[in-house]
Amino acid sequence: MITAEYCRTMAAYNAWQNKSLMGCIKALDEKELTKNRKAFFGSILGTANHLLWGDQLWMSRFDGGAAPQATLPDSTKLHLQAEGFLLDRLRTDKRIIRWAEKLKHMDLVGPMTWYSSTTQHSMTMQKSTCVTHFFNHQTHHRGQLHAMMTAAGQSPDATDLVFMPE
C-alpha cells in the first residue's frame, strides 16, 4: 500500500525531473523539439505534451479540477510551441504538489470510478493503484524524454530518486 508521504516524495521528484527537462526544452529550437525521433509519441514536444496531458487528466480525477479538453489521439498537440507548454507544465507541477501536500491516508483507500474516453466505458480500480499508475506513467515517459534529450545533445539531470536534492 502506498502512503501520502510516498505521494509527496513522488510529486517532488516529478517537479525536479520536469524542471531539468524544461531546461533542455528551452535550449532546443523548434525544429529539434518537433523532429520525429521514432518514439511512441514522435517528438520531444509530442511526448512532453502527452505526459502533461496524462498528468492533467489524472489530476482532474484526483482533485476534481479541470481536465484537458484533448483526447488521447490529440494529447501530443496540447501545445504546439514550447513557451505555452513550459507555463502549463509549471502550473501542473504546482497542482500535483498541492494535491499531494493535502493527502491523508484515507484519500488513498477504496475504489475510484471514472469514465475512460480511451476504452469508452467506466472503469473502477483501487485509488492506490490509480495513483501508482499516475506516478509510473510520469517516470516512463520522462525516461523516453531523457533518452531523446540526450540524443539531441542535451544533458538532463540524473533520474535516480536517491539523487533528488532535498
C-alpha atoms as a PDB file:
ATOM      1  CA  MET A   1       0.000   0.000   0.000  1.00  0.00           C
ATOM      2  CA  ILE A   2       1.311   3.435  -0.889  1.00  0.00           C
ATOM      3  CA  THR A   3       1.233   6.282   1.607  1.00  0.00           C
ATOM      4  CA  ALA A   4       0.572  10.002   1.474  1.00  0.00           C
ATOM      5  CA  GLU A   5       4.279  10.530   2.185  1.00  0.00           C
ATOM      6  CA  TYR A   6       5.160   8.415  -0.870  1.00  0.00           C
ATOM      7  CA  CYS A   7       2.899  10.670  -2.961  1.00  0.00           C
ATOM      8  CA  ARG A   8       4.584  13.810  -1.608  1.00  0.00           C
ATOM      9  CA  THR A   9       8.002  12.342  -2.433  1.00  0.00           C
ATOM     10  CA  MET A  10       6.918  11.398  -5.947  1.00  0.00           C
ATOM     11  CA  ALA A  11       5.308  14.814  -6.516  1.00  0.00           C
ATOM     12  CA  ALA A  12       8.603  16.477  -5.549  1.00  0.00           C
ATOM     13  CA  TYR A  13      10.520  14.034  -7.760  1.00  0.00           C
ATOM     14  CA  ASN A  14       8.179  14.802 -10.663  1.00  0.00           C
ATOM     15  CA  ALA A  15       8.736  18.559 -10.288  1.00  0.00           C
ATOM     16  CA  TRP A  16      12.519  18.139 -10.005  1.00  0.00           C
ATOM     17  CA  GLN A  17      12.722  15.969 -13.093  1.00  0.00           C
ATOM     18  CA  ASN A  18      10.421  18.216 -15.098  1.00  0.00           C
ATOM     19  CA  LYS A  19      12.487  21.273 -14.155  1.00  0.00           C
ATOM     20  CA  SER A  20      15.553  19.556 -15.612  1.00  0.00           C
ATOM     21  CA  LEU A  21      13.715  18.607 -18.798  1.00  0.00           C
ATOM     22  CA  MET A  22      12.262  22.109 -19.132  1.00  0.00           C
ATOM     23  CA  GLY A  23      15.799  23.493 -19.149  1.00  0.00           C
ATOM     24  CA  CYS A  24      16.625  21.158 -22.020  1.00  0.00           C
ATOM     25  CA  ILE A  25      13.450  22.120 -23.883  1.00  0.00           C
ATOM     26  CA  LYS A  26      14.374  25.803 -23.583  1.00  0.00           C
ATOM     27  CA  ALA A  27      17.809  25.040 -25.078  1.00  0.00           C
ATOM     28  CA  LEU A  28      16.397  23.367 -28.201  1.00  0.00           C
ATOM     29  CA  ASP A  29      14.933  25.106 -31.223  1.00  0.00           C
ATOM     30  CA  GLU A  30      11.501  24.281 -32.623  1.00  0.00           C
ATOM     31  CA  LYS A  31      12.950  22.013 -35.311  1.00  0.00           C
ATOM     32  CA  GLU A  32      14.730  19.848 -32.705  1.00  0.00           C
ATOM     33  CA  LEU A  33      11.668  19.809 -30.425  1.00  0.00           C
ATOM     34  CA  THR A  34       9.300  18.678 -33.167  1.00  0.00           C
ATOM     35  CA  LYS A  35      11.642  16.332 -35.054  1.00  0.00           C
ATOM     36  CA  ASN A  36      10.192  12.836 -35.355  1.00  0.00           C
ATOM     37  CA  ARG A  37      12.532  10.715 -33.265  1.00  0.00           C
ATOM     38  CA  LYS A  38      10.604   7.485 -33.829  1.00  0.00           C
ATOM     39  CA  ALA A  39       9.448   7.454 -30.205  1.00  0.00           C
ATOM     40  CA  PHE A  40       5.941   6.248 -29.382  1.00  0.00           C
ATOM     41  CA  PHE A  41       4.680   9.858 -29.370  1.00  0.00           C
ATOM     42  CA  GLY A  42       7.074  11.003 -32.083  1.00  0.00           C
ATOM     43  CA  SER A  43       8.944  14.066 -30.959  1.00  0.00           C
ATOM     44  CA  ILE A  44      10.273  15.568 -27.759  1.00  0.00           C
ATOM     45  CA  LEU A  45       7.436  18.109 -27.672  1.00  0.00           C
ATOM     46  CA  GLY A  46       4.850  15.471 -28.596  1.00  0.00           C
ATOM     47  CA  THR A  47       5.983  13.180 -25.784  1.00  0.00           C
ATOM     48  CA  ALA A  48       6.216  16.066 -23.318  1.00  0.00           C
ATOM     49  CA  ASN A  49       2.686  17.132 -24.277  1.00  0.00           C
ATOM     50  CA  HIS A  50       1.345  13.607 -23.814  1.00  0.00           C
ATOM     51  CA  LEU A  51       2.935  13.415 -20.375  1.00  0.00           C
ATOM     52  CA  LEU A  52       1.432  16.787 -19.404  1.00  0.00           C
ATOM     53  CA  TRP A  53      -1.958  15.705 -20.754  1.00  0.00           C
ATOM     54  CA  GLY A  54      -1.847  12.493 -18.719  1.00  0.00           C
ATOM     55  CA  ASP A  55      -0.894  14.396 -15.572  1.00  0.00           C
ATOM     56  CA  GLN A  56      -3.762  16.832 -16.055  1.00  0.00           C
ATOM     57  CA  LEU A  57      -6.240  14.071 -16.807  1.00  0.00           C
ATOM     58  CA  TRP A  58      -5.342  12.050 -13.711  1.00  0.00           C
ATOM     59  CA  MET A  59      -5.238  15.152 -11.536  1.00  0.00           C
ATOM     60  CA  SER A  60      -8.785  16.016 -12.642  1.00  0.00           C
ATOM     61  CA  ARG A  61      -9.813  12.605 -11.364  1.00  0.00           C
ATOM     62  CA  PHE A  62      -7.898  13.017  -8.107  1.00  0.00           C
ATOM     63  CA  ASP A  63      -8.673  16.638  -7.220  1.00  0.00           C
ATOM     64  CA  GLY A  64     -11.872  17.287  -9.170  1.00  0.00           C
ATOM     65  CA  GLY A  65     -10.285  20.196 -11.056  1.00  0.00           C
ATOM     66  CA  ALA A  66     -10.105  20.931 -14.738  1.00  0.00           C
ATOM     67  CA  ALA A  67      -9.269  18.191 -17.228  1.00  0.00           C
ATOM     68  CA  PRO A  68      -7.589  18.736 -20.584  1.00  0.00           C
ATOM     69  CA  GLN A  69     -10.017  19.130 -23.468  1.00  0.00           C
ATOM     70  CA  ALA A  70      -7.927  16.954 -25.785  1.00  0.00           C
ATOM     71  CA  THR A  71      -8.380  13.196 -26.008  1.00  0.00           C
ATOM     72  CA  LEU A  72      -5.583  10.635 -26.252  1.00  0.00           C
ATOM     73  CA  PRO A  73      -5.134  10.927 -30.054  1.00  0.00           C
ATOM     74  CA  ASP A  74      -4.587  14.688 -29.686  1.00  0.00           C
ATOM     75  CA  SER A  75      -2.549  14.542 -26.471  1.00  0.00           C
ATOM     76  CA  THR A  76       0.675  15.203 -28.395  1.00  0.00           C
ATOM     77  CA  LYS A  77      -0.704  18.525 -29.658  1.00  0.00           C
ATOM     78  CA  LEU A  78      -1.677  20.051 -26.314  1.00  0.00           C
ATOM     79  CA  HIS A  79       0.803  22.873 -27.002  1.00  0.00           C
ATOM     80  CA  LEU A  80       2.310  23.484 -30.423  1.00  0.00           C
ATOM     81  CA  GLN A  81       5.108  25.684 -29.089  1.00  0.00           C
ATOM     82  CA  ALA A  82       7.476  25.286 -26.160  1.00  0.00           C
ATOM     83  CA  GLU A  83       6.524  28.514 -24.369  1.00  0.00           C
ATOM     84  CA  GLY A  84       2.905  27.514 -23.758  1.00  0.00           C
ATOM     85  CA  PHE A  85       3.969  24.024 -22.778  1.00  0.00           C
ATOM     86  CA  LEU A  86       6.509  25.296 -20.235  1.00  0.00           C
ATOM     87  CA  LEU A  87       3.981  27.548 -18.478  1.00  0.00           C
ATOM     88  CA  ASP A  88       1.363  24.793 -18.357  1.00  0.00           C
ATOM     89  CA  ARG A  89       3.940  22.267 -17.096  1.00  0.00           C
ATOM     90  CA  LEU A  90       4.881  24.568 -14.197  1.00  0.00           C
ATOM     91  CA  ARG A  91       1.226  25.134 -13.275  1.00  0.00           C
ATOM     92  CA  THR A  92       0.504  21.415 -13.410  1.00  0.00           C
ATOM     93  CA  ASP A  93       3.510  20.501 -11.268  1.00  0.00           C
ATOM     94  CA  LYS A  94       2.352  23.007  -8.639  1.00  0.00           C
ATOM     95  CA  ARG A  95      -1.128  21.479  -8.799  1.00  0.00           C
ATOM     96  CA  ILE A  96       0.315  17.997  -8.215  1.00  0.00           C
ATOM     97  CA  ILE A  97       2.364  19.214  -5.232  1.00  0.00           C
ATOM     98  CA  ARG A  98      -0.663  20.989  -3.678  1.00  0.00           C
ATOM     99  CA  TRP A  99      -2.735  17.814  -4.078  1.00  0.00           C
ATOM    100  CA  ALA A 100      -0.028  15.630  -2.542  1.00  0.00           C
ATOM    101  CA  GLU A 101       0.532  18.015   0.384  1.00  0.00           C
ATOM    102  CA  LYS A 102      -3.152  17.732   1.340  1.00  0.00           C
ATOM    103  CA  LEU A 103      -3.372  13.936   1.035  1.00  0.00           C
ATOM    104  CA  LYS A 104      -4.385  11.843   4.003  1.00  0.00           C
ATOM    105  CA  HIS A 105      -4.118   8.066   4.262  1.00  0.00           C
ATOM    106  CA  MET A 106      -7.871   7.654   3.724  1.00  0.00           C
ATOM    107  CA  ASP A 107      -7.666   9.532   0.410  1.00  0.00           C
ATOM    108  CA  LEU A 108      -5.750   6.554  -0.996  1.00  0.00           C
ATOM    109  CA  VAL A 109      -8.136   3.863   0.245  1.00  0.00           C
ATOM    110  CA  GLY A 110     -11.101   2.362  -1.579  1.00  0.00           C
ATOM    111  CA  PRO A 111     -12.313   2.228  -5.149  1.00  0.00           C
ATOM    112  CA  MET A 112     -12.215   5.012  -7.699  1.00  0.00           C
ATOM    113  CA  THR A 113     -14.536   5.088 -10.703  1.00  0.00           C
ATOM    114  CA  TRP A 114     -14.115   7.235 -13.815  1.00  0.00           C
ATOM    115  CA  TYR A 115     -15.142   7.263 -17.447  1.00  0.00           C
ATOM    116  CA  SER A 116     -12.281   6.448 -19.805  1.00  0.00           C
ATOM    117  CA  SER A 117     -12.552   8.039 -23.235  1.00  0.00           C
ATOM    118  CA  THR A 118      -9.772   5.677 -24.343  1.00  0.00           C
ATOM    119  CA  THR A 119     -11.719   2.500 -23.526  1.00  0.00           C
ATOM    120  CA  GLN A 120     -15.152   4.130 -23.984  1.00  0.00           C
ATOM    121  CA  HIS A 121     -16.527   2.850 -20.696  1.00  0.00           C
ATOM    122  CA  SER A 122     -16.462   3.374 -16.950  1.00  0.00           C
ATOM    123  CA  MET A 123     -13.581   1.876 -15.036  1.00  0.00           C
ATOM    124  CA  THR A 124     -13.160   1.130 -11.346  1.00  0.00           C
ATOM    125  CA  MET A 125      -9.851   0.439  -9.603  1.00  0.00           C
ATOM    126  CA  GLN A 126      -8.363   0.945  -6.191  1.00  0.00           C
ATOM    127  CA  LYS A 127      -7.338   4.588  -5.641  1.00  0.00           C
ATOM    128  CA  SER A 128      -3.855   3.480  -4.619  1.00  0.00           C
ATOM    129  CA  THR A 129      -3.443   1.619  -7.914  1.00  0.00           C
ATOM    130  CA  CYS A 130      -4.543   4.686  -9.869  1.00  0.00           C
ATOM    131  CA  VAL A 131      -2.090   6.920  -8.002  1.00  0.00           C
ATOM    132  CA  THR A 132       0.708   4.392  -8.507  1.00  0.00           C
ATOM    133  CA  HIS A 133      -0.117   4.316 -12.234  1.00  0.00           C
ATOM    134  CA  PHE A 134      -0.064   8.140 -12.325  1.00  0.00           C
ATOM    135  CA  PHE A 135       3.492   8.325 -10.970  1.00  0.00           C
ATOM    136  CA  ASN A 136       4.644   5.327 -13.029  1.00  0.00           C
ATOM    137  CA  HIS A 137       3.286   6.922 -16.220  1.00  0.00           C
ATOM    138  CA  GLN A 138       5.331  10.045 -15.475  1.00  0.00           C
ATOM    139  CA  THR A 139       8.521   8.087 -14.909  1.00  0.00           C
ATOM    140  CA  HIS A 140       8.016   6.005 -18.049  1.00  0.00           C
ATOM    141  CA  HIS A 141       7.594   8.973 -20.385  1.00  0.00           C
ATOM    142  CA  ARG A 142      10.265  11.070 -18.692  1.00  0.00           C
ATOM    143  CA  GLY A 143      12.655   8.187 -19.392  1.00  0.00           C
ATOM    144  CA  GLN A 144      11.760   8.460 -23.067  1.00  0.00           C
ATOM    145  CA  LEU A 145      12.257  12.231 -22.934  1.00  0.00           C
ATOM    146  CA  HIS A 146      15.610  11.820 -21.187  1.00  0.00           C
ATOM    147  CA  ALA A 147      16.806   9.495 -23.956  1.00  0.00           C
ATOM    148  CA  MET A 148      15.610  11.835 -26.710  1.00  0.00           C
ATOM    149  CA  MET A 149      17.169  14.863 -24.979  1.00  0.00           C
ATOM    150  CA  THR A 150      20.489  13.052 -24.636  1.00  0.00           C
ATOM    151  CA  ALA A 151      20.378  12.096 -28.320  1.00  0.00           C
ATOM    152  CA  ALA A 152      19.685  15.764 -29.131  1.00  0.00           C
ATOM    153  CA  GLY A 153      22.874  16.788 -27.309  1.00  0.00           C
ATOM    154  CA  GLN A 154      21.304  17.916 -24.045  1.00  0.00           C
ATOM    155  CA  SER A 155      22.360  16.852 -20.546  1.00  0.00           C
ATOM    156  CA  PRO A 156      19.319  16.401 -18.301  1.00  0.00           C
ATOM    157  CA  ASP A 157      19.864  15.768 -14.591  1.00  0.00           C
ATOM    158  CA  ALA A 158      20.300  12.218 -13.338  1.00  0.00           C
ATOM    159  CA  THR A 159      16.964  10.468 -12.960  1.00  0.00           C
ATOM    160  CA  ASP A 160      17.776   8.478  -9.814  1.00  0.00           C
ATOM    161  CA  LEU A 161      15.384   9.285  -6.986  1.00  0.00           C
ATOM    162  CA  VAL A 162      18.197   8.899  -4.449  1.00  0.00           C
ATOM    163  CA  PHE A 163      19.983  11.908  -6.026  1.00  0.00           C
ATOM    164  CA  MET A 164      16.990  14.258  -5.693  1.00  0.00           C
ATOM    165  CA  PRO A 165      18.042  17.431  -3.877  1.00  0.00           C
ATOM    166  CA  GLU A 166      16.380  17.963  -0.522  1.00  0.00           C
END
